[in-house]
Every structure is written in C-alpha cells, then in structure tokens.
Amino acid sequence: MVYMRTTTFPLAAIVAAALLAGCGTLDKPRADNYPATGQKKARAVHHWDVLAGDVAARVAEKIAAWPEGEHPIHVTVADGSSFNQGFLKLLRVQLLDRGVALSTGPTAVELEVQTQVVQHEAMLPSNPPIPLPLTMLGTGVGVWRDWKVHYSDRNLLPGVATALGVGAGLALDLMQMHTQGAAAGGPTHTEVLITTALKTRERYLAGSADMYYIEREDAVLYQAPLPPPPPIPVKTWKVVAP
C-alpha cells in the first residue's frame, strides 16, 4: 500500500496570498479612513464662551512673561457676523478675567479672530447610526417595541424573537446613548474653522485653530452680513411750460 503525503496550507496563508496577488494589479492607492476622532458641535452661545475661555487661557499663558500692562492687546474680528461680534465680547471678558491688558484702539500687538464656513457637498453615509429612543428597564436592557419600531427595516439581528432581548447592535446603541446622548445629532455637511492670531506688525507670536460641526441653518451666524442693495435710481422730469 502506498501512502501519499499531502501538505495542507493554512487558510490564512492562502487568503493572504490571494490578497497580495490582487493588490499587485492596483494602479493607485486605496482609500483609507482616518482613525476615529471626535469633533465638537457648536449649538449655543455657551459653546462660544467655552471656546473664548480656551483661547484666552492660551493667550495668557503665552504672554505670562511680559511685563504687566506694558503691551496691551487690541482684539479684532474680520467682519460683522453674529458669531464674530458675540465672540469678540466674550473673548474680551475672558482675557480681562485672566489679567490680560486690553486696548480700546490699535496697538503694537493685535489678537485677530477669523472664521471660515466650510460646506461639504459629498453625501454622508446613507445609513448613519440612528439614536434609539429607549425605555430603560435596567442597565443594558431596552424595551423590544422600540427596537422593532426604529430598526424594523434593518436586518441586523435576524431571527430574534424574544420580547426583551439585547443583541450586539442594541447593546452598542445603548452604550452610545449612555456615553454620547442624542443631543449632538451626528456629523453635518457644514463645519466652521475659527482661527486666532496674536501678532505684531513684524511677526506672528501665537495662534490657535478650532473646528466645529454646525447645522446648515446656523451657517449664517458665522458669515459676514450681505451688503445693503444699491439705491434704486430715481428719475426726475422737468416740466416745461408750453
């Protein structure tokens, strides 16, 4: 009897080889996502005040070694948007609370605030996570009727028939609800970039850059008001006696 020796390659090795063979034919890099991060959403004047306090703290730290009151700072904004005008007032108060000397007119040192609204046209994912309204019965337990109403069109847990069940998807939703809440509302197509620059006429001394999600309807708060329409020309006629 002749015994034949066969060699069995691990499945992982076979899959890896297939992937390498496929990748060798690509003529451009693949698209990878950035690692998951968090970005705040500005939805209230209080959020502007929090940002003003953070900027003021950084400015105060930067100029801590300056002789007290020797170089007063003139705070300016780029335009008359609602955000800029509100943020200007909040930032002045936050700076004064930290002992920073401010000037009412132009000086050698300026703190300039600028905002830029960024509107993305690309569509967000077609099936983003939906906050699940839950009737909490205890830690990690949700009423099945809420799952059925809000996720009936998703085949995430086929065959689940128990009245009170916590599957993997529901457990994740409960955890997200507990840690994040429903108030943030998820990412939006509209963002705002808020930058500050502490500078003299010759050089930049310090700066900051902060990014926030905002609702599309709130974009007008961060944009300069439109100029008034030009006056309508008035025609006059001279009456000539016959």
C-alpha atoms as a PDB file:
ATOM      1  CA  MET A   1       0.000   0.000   0.000  1.00  0.00           C
ATOM      2  CA  VAL A   2       1.353   3.350  -0.995  1.00  0.00           C
ATOM      3  CA  TYR A   3       0.760   6.295   1.295  1.00  0.00           C
ATOM      4  CA  MET A   4       0.704   9.727  -0.289  1.00  0.00           C
ATOM      5  CA  ARG A   5       1.730  12.682   1.823  1.00  0.00           C
ATOM      6  CA  THR A   6      -0.300  15.781   1.290  1.00  0.00           C
ATOM      7  CA  THR A   7       0.521  19.264   2.510  1.00  0.00           C
ATOM      8  CA  THR A   8      -2.314  21.456   3.728  1.00  0.00           C
ATOM      9  CA  PHE A   9      -1.640  25.205   3.698  1.00  0.00           C
ATOM     10  CA  PRO A  10      -3.272  27.237   6.439  1.00  0.00           C
ATOM     11  CA  LEU A  11      -6.332  29.070   5.237  1.00  0.00           C
ATOM     12  CA  ALA A  12      -4.902  32.399   6.377  1.00  0.00           C
ATOM     13  CA  ALA A  13      -1.821  31.929   4.211  1.00  0.00           C
ATOM     14  CA  ILE A  14      -3.955  31.172   1.167  1.00  0.00           C
ATOM     15  CA  VAL A  15      -6.126  34.229   1.733  1.00  0.00           C
ATOM     16  CA  ALA A  16      -3.068  36.434   2.255  1.00  0.00           C
ATOM     17  CA  ALA A  17      -1.518  35.216  -0.960  1.00  0.00           C
ATOM     18  CA  ALA A  18      -4.700  35.924  -2.869  1.00  0.00           C
ATOM     19  CA  LEU A  19      -4.874  39.410  -1.440  1.00  0.00           C
ATOM     20  CA  LEU A  20      -1.257  40.111  -2.334  1.00  0.00           C
ATOM     21  CA  ALA A  21      -1.843  38.890  -5.864  1.00  0.00           C
ATOM     22  CA  GLY A  22      -4.854  41.140  -6.204  1.00  0.00           C
ATOM     23  CA  CYS A  23      -3.071  44.162  -4.750  1.00  0.00           C
ATOM     24  CA  GLY A  24      -0.249  43.785  -7.227  1.00  0.00           C
ATOM     25  CA  THR A  25      -2.545  44.837 -10.051  1.00  0.00           C
ATOM     26  CA  LEU A  26      -3.754  48.085  -8.489  1.00  0.00           C
ATOM     27  CA  ASP A  27      -2.534  51.234 -10.200  1.00  0.00           C
ATOM     28  CA  LYS A  28      -3.477  53.693  -7.451  1.00  0.00           C
ATOM     29  CA  PRO A  29      -3.592  53.807  -3.663  1.00  0.00           C
ATOM     30  CA  ARG A  30      -6.659  52.560  -1.877  1.00  0.00           C
ATOM     31  CA  ALA A  31      -8.832  54.970   0.098  1.00  0.00           C
ATOM     32  CA  ASP A  32      -8.392  54.609   3.846  1.00  0.00           C
ATOM     33  CA  ASN A  33     -10.306  56.347   6.603  1.00  0.00           C
ATOM     34  CA  TYR A  34      -8.580  58.323   9.309  1.00  0.00           C
ATOM     35  CA  PRO A  35      -8.689  56.796  12.801  1.00  0.00           C
ATOM     36  CA  ALA A  36     -11.892  57.674  14.642  1.00  0.00           C
ATOM     37  CA  THR A  37     -11.735  61.052  16.385  1.00  0.00           C
ATOM     38  CA  GLY A  38     -14.180  63.444  17.982  1.00  0.00           C
ATOM     39  CA  GLN A  39     -15.231  66.914  16.912  1.00  0.00           C
ATOM     40  CA  LYS A  40     -17.488  69.220  18.888  1.00  0.00           C
ATOM     41  CA  LYS A  41     -20.693  70.710  17.536  1.00  0.00           C
ATOM     42  CA  ALA A  42     -21.346  74.390  18.281  1.00  0.00           C
ATOM     43  CA  ARG A  43     -25.041  74.810  19.024  1.00  0.00           C
ATOM     44  CA  ALA A  44     -25.284  77.573  21.613  1.00  0.00           C
ATOM     45  CA  VAL A  45     -23.690  80.839  22.702  1.00  0.00           C
ATOM     46  CA  HIS A  46     -22.371  78.947  25.716  1.00  0.00           C
ATOM     47  CA  HIS A  47     -20.193  76.932  23.357  1.00  0.00           C
ATOM     48  CA  TRP A  48     -18.748  80.191  22.017  1.00  0.00           C
ATOM     49  CA  ASP A  49     -17.946  81.203  25.588  1.00  0.00           C
ATOM     50  CA  VAL A  50     -16.176  77.900  26.229  1.00  0.00           C
ATOM     51  CA  LEU A  51     -14.048  78.478  23.133  1.00  0.00           C
ATOM     52  CA  ALA A  52     -13.338  82.080  24.204  1.00  0.00           C
ATOM     53  CA  GLY A  53     -12.153  80.832  27.585  1.00  0.00           C
ATOM     54  CA  ASP A  54      -9.844  78.308  25.952  1.00  0.00           C
ATOM     55  CA  VAL A  55      -8.360  80.923  23.598  1.00  0.00           C
ATOM     56  CA  ALA A  56      -7.933  83.401  26.464  1.00  0.00           C
ATOM     57  CA  ALA A  57      -6.129  80.795  28.562  1.00  0.00           C
ATOM     58  CA  ARG A  58      -3.687  80.094  25.738  1.00  0.00           C
ATOM     59  CA  VAL A  59      -3.027  83.788  25.145  1.00  0.00           C
ATOM     60  CA  ALA A  60      -2.500  84.438  28.861  1.00  0.00           C
ATOM     61  CA  GLU A  61      -0.022  81.559  29.045  1.00  0.00           C
ATOM     62  CA  LYS A  62       1.859  82.859  26.009  1.00  0.00           C
ATOM     63  CA  ILE A  63       2.312  86.378  27.390  1.00  0.00           C
ATOM     64  CA  ALA A  64       2.848  85.396  31.046  1.00  0.00           C
ATOM     65  CA  ALA A  65       6.463  86.578  30.892  1.00  0.00           C
ATOM     66  CA  TRP A  66       5.586  90.025  29.521  1.00  0.00           C
ATOM     67  CA  PRO A  67       5.860  92.983  31.933  1.00  0.00           C
ATOM     68  CA  GLU A  68       2.407  93.548  33.389  1.00  0.00           C
ATOM     69  CA  GLY A  69       0.384  96.047  31.346  1.00  0.00           C
ATOM     70  CA  GLU A  70       3.318  97.010  29.127  1.00  0.00           C
ATOM     71  CA  HIS A  71       1.958  95.604  25.867  1.00  0.00           C
ATOM     72  CA  PRO A  72      -1.854  95.985  25.776  1.00  0.00           C
ATOM     73  CA  ILE A  73      -3.574  93.860  23.164  1.00  0.00           C
ATOM     74  CA  HIS A  74      -6.112  95.082  20.633  1.00  0.00           C
ATOM     75  CA  VAL A  75      -8.670  92.361  19.856  1.00  0.00           C
ATOM     76  CA  THR A  76     -10.208  92.487  16.367  1.00  0.00           C
ATOM     77  CA  VAL A  77     -12.539  90.377  14.240  1.00  0.00           C
ATOM     78  CA  ALA A  78     -12.579  90.078  10.482  1.00  0.00           C
ATOM     79  CA  ASP A  79     -16.214  91.031   9.883  1.00  0.00           C
ATOM     80  CA  GLY A  80     -19.534  91.775  11.491  1.00  0.00           C
ATOM     81  CA  SER A  81     -21.010  88.274  11.590  1.00  0.00           C
ATOM     82  CA  SER A  82     -23.143  87.363  14.574  1.00  0.00           C
ATOM     83  CA  PHE A  83     -20.509  84.918  15.793  1.00  0.00           C
ATOM     84  CA  ASN A  84     -17.632  87.370  15.454  1.00  0.00           C
ATOM     85  CA  GLN A  85     -19.457  90.133  17.279  1.00  0.00           C
ATOM     86  CA  GLY A  86     -20.540  87.804  20.089  1.00  0.00           C
ATOM     87  CA  PHE A  87     -17.185  86.066  20.306  1.00  0.00           C
ATOM     88  CA  LEU A  88     -15.391  89.436  20.458  1.00  0.00           C
ATOM     89  CA  LYS A  89     -17.352  90.416  23.571  1.00  0.00           C
ATOM     90  CA  LEU A  90     -16.874  87.026  25.223  1.00  0.00           C
ATOM     91  CA  LEU A  91     -13.152  86.925  24.449  1.00  0.00           C
ATOM     92  CA  ARG A  92     -12.564  90.378  25.895  1.00  0.00           C
ATOM     93  CA  VAL A  93     -14.226  89.371  29.160  1.00  0.00           C
ATOM     94  CA  GLN A  94     -12.295  86.105  29.341  1.00  0.00           C
ATOM     95  CA  LEU A  95      -8.984  87.903  28.717  1.00  0.00           C
ATOM     96  CA  LEU A  96      -9.713  90.572  31.323  1.00  0.00           C
ATOM     97  CA  ASP A  97     -10.626  87.874  33.856  1.00  0.00           C
ATOM     98  CA  ARG A  98      -7.131  86.460  33.358  1.00  0.00           C
ATOM     99  CA  GLY A  99      -5.433  89.809  33.880  1.00  0.00           C
ATOM    100  CA  VAL A 100      -4.568  90.469  30.223  1.00  0.00           C
ATOM    101  CA  ALA A 101      -4.281  94.167  29.424  1.00  0.00           C
ATOM    102  CA  LEU A 102      -6.511  95.186  26.516  1.00  0.00           C
ATOM    103  CA  SER A 103      -6.578  98.323  24.413  1.00  0.00           C
ATOM    104  CA  THR A 104      -9.619 100.084  23.003  1.00  0.00           C
ATOM    105  CA  GLY A 105      -7.711 101.096  19.873  1.00  0.00           C
ATOM    106  CA  PRO A 106      -4.947  99.785  17.580  1.00  0.00           C
ATOM    107  CA  THR A 107      -1.670  98.974  19.325  1.00  0.00           C
ATOM    108  CA  ALA A 108       1.576  97.207  18.507  1.00  0.00           C
ATOM    109  CA  VAL A 109       0.058  93.835  19.494  1.00  0.00           C
ATOM    110  CA  GLU A 110      -3.146  92.561  17.878  1.00  0.00           C
ATOM    111  CA  LEU A 111      -5.252  89.481  18.503  1.00  0.00           C
ATOM    112  CA  GLU A 112      -7.156  88.803  15.285  1.00  0.00           C
ATOM    113  CA  VAL A 113     -10.111  86.409  15.035  1.00  0.00           C
ATOM    114  CA  GLN A 114     -11.195  84.927  11.689  1.00  0.00           C
ATOM    115  CA  THR A 115     -13.900  82.417  10.780  1.00  0.00           C
ATOM    116  CA  GLN A 116     -14.421  80.302   7.680  1.00  0.00           C
ATOM    117  CA  VAL A 117     -17.525  78.248   6.910  1.00  0.00           C
ATOM    118  CA  VAL A 118     -16.800  75.001   5.045  1.00  0.00           C
ATOM    119  CA  GLN A 119     -19.724  73.420   3.191  1.00  0.00           C
ATOM    120  CA  HIS A 120     -19.189  69.810   2.068  1.00  0.00           C
ATOM    121  CA  GLU A 121     -21.164  68.678  -0.962  1.00  0.00           C
ATOM    122  CA  ALA A 122     -20.376  64.958  -0.667  1.00  0.00           C
ATOM    123  CA  MET A 123     -23.161  62.873   0.791  1.00  0.00           C
ATOM    124  CA  LEU A 124     -22.904  61.442   4.285  1.00  0.00           C
ATOM    125  CA  PRO A 125     -23.276  57.647   4.688  1.00  0.00           C
ATOM    126  CA  SER A 126     -26.708  56.539   3.526  1.00  0.00           C
ATOM    127  CA  ASN A 127     -27.393  54.578   6.702  1.00  0.00           C
ATOM    128  CA  PRO A 128     -25.904  56.539   9.637  1.00  0.00           C
ATOM    129  CA  PRO A 129     -26.491  55.404  13.215  1.00  0.00           C
ATOM    130  CA  ILE A 130     -29.911  56.473  14.468  1.00  0.00           C
ATOM    131  CA  PRO A 131     -30.304  57.376  18.130  1.00  0.00           C
ATOM    132  CA  LEU A 132     -32.679  54.797  19.596  1.00  0.00           C
ATOM    133  CA  PRO A 133     -35.459  56.118  21.884  1.00  0.00           C
ATOM    134  CA  LEU A 134     -35.273  53.612  24.713  1.00  0.00           C
ATOM    135  CA  THR A 135     -37.428  52.863  27.694  1.00  0.00           C
ATOM    136  CA  MET A 136     -34.746  51.829  30.152  1.00  0.00           C
ATOM    137  CA  LEU A 137     -35.678  48.881  32.354  1.00  0.00           C
ATOM    138  CA  GLY A 138     -32.221  48.493  33.823  1.00  0.00           C
ATOM    139  CA  THR A 139     -28.585  48.533  32.840  1.00  0.00           C
ATOM    140  CA  GLY A 140     -28.266  47.176  29.291  1.00  0.00           C
ATOM    141  CA  VAL A 141     -31.952  46.368  28.867  1.00  0.00           C
ATOM    142  CA  GLY A 142     -34.290  48.091  26.426  1.00  0.00           C
ATOM    143  CA  VAL A 143     -37.916  47.504  25.525  1.00  0.00           C
ATOM    144  CA  TRP A 144     -38.219  45.387  22.355  1.00  0.00           C
ATOM    145  CA  ARG A 145     -41.000  47.544  20.885  1.00  0.00           C
ATOM    146  CA  ASP A 146     -38.565  50.463  20.490  1.00  0.00           C
ATOM    147  CA  TRP A 147     -36.138  48.267  18.592  1.00  0.00           C
ATOM    148  CA  LYS A 148     -38.928  46.997  16.332  1.00  0.00           C
ATOM    149  CA  VAL A 149     -40.269  50.487  15.544  1.00  0.00           C
ATOM    150  CA  HIS A 150     -36.939  52.177  14.832  1.00  0.00           C
ATOM    151  CA  TYR A 151     -34.919  49.326  13.313  1.00  0.00           C
ATOM    152  CA  SER A 152     -37.546  47.170  11.612  1.00  0.00           C
ATOM    153  CA  ASP A 153     -36.003  47.890   8.186  1.00  0.00           C
ATOM    154  CA  ARG A 154     -32.550  46.678   9.225  1.00  0.00           C
ATOM    155  CA  ASN A 155     -31.587  43.024   9.064  1.00  0.00           C
ATOM    156  CA  LEU A 156     -29.072  43.298  11.851  1.00  0.00           C
ATOM    157  CA  LEU A 157     -30.435  40.618  14.169  1.00  0.00           C
ATOM    158  CA  PRO A 158     -32.410  38.102  12.060  1.00  0.00           C
ATOM    159  CA  GLY A 159     -34.409  35.514  13.929  1.00  0.00           C
ATOM    160  CA  VAL A 160     -34.541  37.340  17.230  1.00  0.00           C
ATOM    161  CA  ALA A 161     -37.966  36.724  18.695  1.00  0.00           C
ATOM    162  CA  THR A 162     -37.575  37.381  22.373  1.00  0.00           C
ATOM    163  CA  ALA A 163     -39.653  40.221  23.781  1.00  0.00           C
ATOM    164  CA  LEU A 164     -36.794  41.651  25.819  1.00  0.00           C
ATOM    165  CA  GLY A 165     -33.546  40.971  24.002  1.00  0.00           C
ATOM    166  CA  VAL A 166     -30.238  42.795  23.956  1.00  0.00           C
ATOM    167  CA  GLY A 167     -28.352  41.759  20.865  1.00  0.00           C
ATOM    168  CA  ALA A 168     -24.994  43.076  19.782  1.00  0.00           C
ATOM    169  CA  GLY A 169     -26.426  46.001  17.807  1.00  0.00           C
ATOM    170  CA  LEU A 170     -28.836  47.028  20.545  1.00  0.00           C
ATOM    171  CA  ALA A 171     -26.112  46.785  23.182  1.00  0.00           C
ATOM    172  CA  LEU A 172     -23.933  49.113  21.136  1.00  0.00           C
ATOM    173  CA  ASP A 173     -26.806  51.561  20.761  1.00  0.00           C
ATOM    174  CA  LEU A 174     -27.384  51.533  24.495  1.00  0.00           C
ATOM    175  CA  MET A 175     -23.710  52.176  25.150  1.00  0.00           C
ATOM    176  CA  GLN A 176     -23.634  55.022  22.635  1.00  0.00           C
ATOM    177  CA  MET A 177     -26.767  56.534  24.132  1.00  0.00           C
ATOM    178  CA  HIS A 178     -25.222  56.339  27.599  1.00  0.00           C
ATOM    179  CA  THR A 179     -21.871  57.891  26.628  1.00  0.00           C
ATOM    180  CA  GLN A 180     -22.889  60.353  23.916  1.00  0.00           C
ATOM    181  CA  GLY A 181     -26.583  61.053  24.313  1.00  0.00           C
ATOM    182  CA  ALA A 182     -28.825  62.163  21.467  1.00  0.00           C
ATOM    183  CA  ALA A 183     -28.217  65.904  21.666  1.00  0.00           C
ATOM    184  CA  ALA A 184     -25.194  66.069  19.364  1.00  0.00           C
ATOM    185  CA  GLY A 185     -27.204  64.864  16.374  1.00  0.00           C
ATOM    186  CA  GLY A 186     -24.250  63.406  14.499  1.00  0.00           C
ATOM    187  CA  PRO A 187     -21.909  64.967  11.944  1.00  0.00           C
ATOM    188  CA  THR A 188     -23.166  67.506   9.423  1.00  0.00           C
ATOM    189  CA  HIS A 189     -22.206  68.750   5.977  1.00  0.00           C
ATOM    190  CA  THR A 190     -21.308  72.134   7.453  1.00  0.00           C
ATOM    191  CA  GLU A 191     -18.256  72.997   9.535  1.00  0.00           C
ATOM    192  CA  VAL A 192     -16.668  76.190  10.772  1.00  0.00           C
ATOM    193  CA  LEU A 193     -12.963  76.907  11.187  1.00  0.00           C
ATOM    194  CA  ILE A 194     -12.159  79.513  13.852  1.00  0.00           C
ATOM    195  CA  THR A 195      -8.609  80.835  13.971  1.00  0.00           C
ATOM    196  CA  THR A 196      -6.907  83.414  16.171  1.00  0.00           C
ATOM    197  CA  ALA A 197      -3.554  85.076  15.583  1.00  0.00           C
ATOM    198  CA  LEU A 198      -1.565  87.050  18.161  1.00  0.00           C
ATOM    199  CA  LYS A 199       0.773  89.224  16.131  1.00  0.00           C
ATOM    200  CA  THR A 200       2.757  92.410  15.799  1.00  0.00           C
ATOM    201  CA  ARG A 201       3.401  94.326  12.611  1.00  0.00           C
ATOM    202  CA  GLU A 202       6.528  92.252  12.018  1.00  0.00           C
ATOM    203  CA  ARG A 203       5.684  88.693  13.116  1.00  0.00           C
ATOM    204  CA  TYR A 204       3.185  86.204  14.474  1.00  0.00           C
ATOM    205  CA  LEU A 205       3.548  85.422  18.177  1.00  0.00           C
ATOM    206  CA  ALA A 206       0.936  82.707  18.723  1.00  0.00           C
ATOM    207  CA  GLY A 207      -2.181  81.266  17.171  1.00  0.00           C
ATOM    208  CA  SER A 208      -4.993  78.771  17.544  1.00  0.00           C
ATOM    209  CA  ALA A 209      -7.280  76.841  15.225  1.00  0.00           C
ATOM    210  CA  ASP A 210     -10.523  75.144  16.243  1.00  0.00           C
ATOM    211  CA  MET A 211     -13.012  73.191  14.132  1.00  0.00           C
ATOM    212  CA  TYR A 212     -16.688  72.629  14.885  1.00  0.00           C
ATOM    213  CA  TYR A 213     -19.665  70.997  13.258  1.00  0.00           C
ATOM    214  CA  ILE A 214     -22.607  73.349  12.874  1.00  0.00           C
ATOM    215  CA  GLU A 215     -26.093  72.909  11.482  1.00  0.00           C
ATOM    216  CA  ARG A 216     -26.569  74.163   7.934  1.00  0.00           C
ATOM    217  CA  GLU A 217     -29.197  76.645   9.098  1.00  0.00           C
ATOM    218  CA  ASP A 218     -26.688  78.144  11.572  1.00  0.00           C
ATOM    219  CA  ALA A 219     -24.070  78.919   8.905  1.00  0.00           C
ATOM    220  CA  VAL A 220     -25.466  82.435   8.516  1.00  0.00           C
ATOM    221  CA  LEU A 221     -24.317  83.183  12.081  1.00  0.00           C
ATOM    222  CA  TYR A 222     -20.696  82.756  11.007  1.00  0.00           C
ATOM    223  CA  GLN A 223     -20.853  84.632   7.713  1.00  0.00           C
ATOM    224  CA  ALA A 224     -20.485  88.357   7.119  1.00  0.00           C
ATOM    225  CA  PRO A 225     -23.794  90.136   6.583  1.00  0.00           C
ATOM    226  CA  LEU A 226     -24.630  90.864   2.988  1.00  0.00           C
ATOM    227  CA  PRO A 227     -24.090  94.458   1.889  1.00  0.00           C
ATOM    228  CA  PRO A 228     -27.253  96.518   1.505  1.00  0.00           C
ATOM    229  CA  PRO A 229     -28.665  96.631  -2.000  1.00  0.00           C
ATOM    230  CA  PRO A 230     -27.692  99.668  -4.057  1.00  0.00           C
ATOM    231  CA  PRO A 231     -30.209 102.511  -4.001  1.00  0.00           C
ATOM    232  CA  ILE A 232     -32.761 102.485  -6.762  1.00  0.00           C
ATOM    233  CA  PRO A 233     -32.051 105.347  -9.151  1.00  0.00           C
ATOM    234  CA  VAL A 234     -34.734 107.997  -9.143  1.00  0.00           C
ATOM    235  CA  LYS A 235     -35.700 109.577 -12.392  1.00  0.00           C
ATOM    236  CA  THR A 236     -36.780 113.201 -12.490  1.00  0.00           C
ATOM    237  CA  TRP A 237     -38.630 115.033 -15.176  1.00  0.00           C
ATOM    238  CA  LYS A 238     -38.548 118.736 -15.782  1.00  0.00           C
ATOM    239  CA  VAL A 239     -41.871 120.262 -16.688  1.00  0.00           C
ATOM    240  CA  VAL A 240     -41.536 122.819 -19.471  1.00  0.00           C
ATOM    241  CA  ALA A 241     -44.289 125.331 -19.919  1.00  0.00           C
ATOM    242  CA  PRO A 242     -45.825 125.369 -23.434  1.00  0.00           C
END
